[in-house]
């Protein structure tokens, strides 16, 4: 009932607003006409006083002005009457038609019987925007679930990569290990556990991590992540030929992309041409050197024109060291030190690369 009272009041206010606008009177047309012709006669008298026109011309002009004024006044009265009649008709239409049209339209298209919803209910019914989801809250919910259901392997497998991204490496290792134990061994699960162990050890491929990658390779000899980390393990162990052989074979199997480019640079830093199999054997020493310099020059030009990350600057310094171009490498090192002087972590990467000089 209260809805219809409010609706009736709003309709009435709308009608009153329209009637008020319709009832405003402008300046009568007759007043405009009289003012115009009065000004015209004044102008005639001024011209006569300045002797711009003669007495006969002034009399004729006065007569013409008076004739026009008399001719227009009846039409003005008639026009004013017609305007009044139109306003009356418009007012009647507003009072009758607006309520007569609004009510049937609302009954046909509206929902008068729908109950109102409290604000709290409307807020609860609003779908959640993924951007508004709090990662910490979601993670806490999963952790609460896993505390009550520690044997939920899927839950551990879902939460483990989140721990890894949040750099909670010990938690990631624990969850990856639980997923492997509860869901069974696969090449991917072994590799994920090994990767978490590497991050936990600050980038060192420990014996435990290496065992996980070897277990992954035993299930899938072409598993990319495991092959990559086993090559890194060989490099850290000082077995440069094995590292080159593993990275070269992996590079040959990969499609073009970021990982292939990363492996190519690692090969370059190890002094090998980043091409696969027979292509390396077919290259002469000069051709290998030209291929390496082409890659280095491409990186140098890009860094000079558009800049890059600290890792890319460090990579250029290491590559120049491999090419024995130490003078240029020192110049790049000095430039990189200035560029990253205000970023301690980046500067540390630059200094580590400079140690090779």
Foldseek 3Di string as FASTA:
>chain_A
DVVVVVVVVVLVVVLVVVLVVLPDDDDQPLVVLVVVLVVVLVVLVVCVVVVVDDPVVSVVSNVVSVVVSVVCVVVSVVVVVVSVVVSVVVSVCSVPVSVVVVVVVCVVPHDVPDDDDDPVVVVVPDDDDPVPDDPVVVLVVLVVVCVVVVLPLVSLVVCLVVCVVVLVLVSNLVSLVSNCVNVHDELVSLLSNLVSVCSVVVNARDPSSLVSLVVSCVRPVLDLSSLQVVLVNCVVVVVLVVSLVSLLVNLAPDDDDDVNVVSQLVNLLSVFHNHHDPVRVPDDPVRSLVSLVVVLVVLVVCCVPPNDALLSLLSSLSNCVSVVVNVVSVVSLVVSCVVCVVPVVSNVSSVVSVVSD
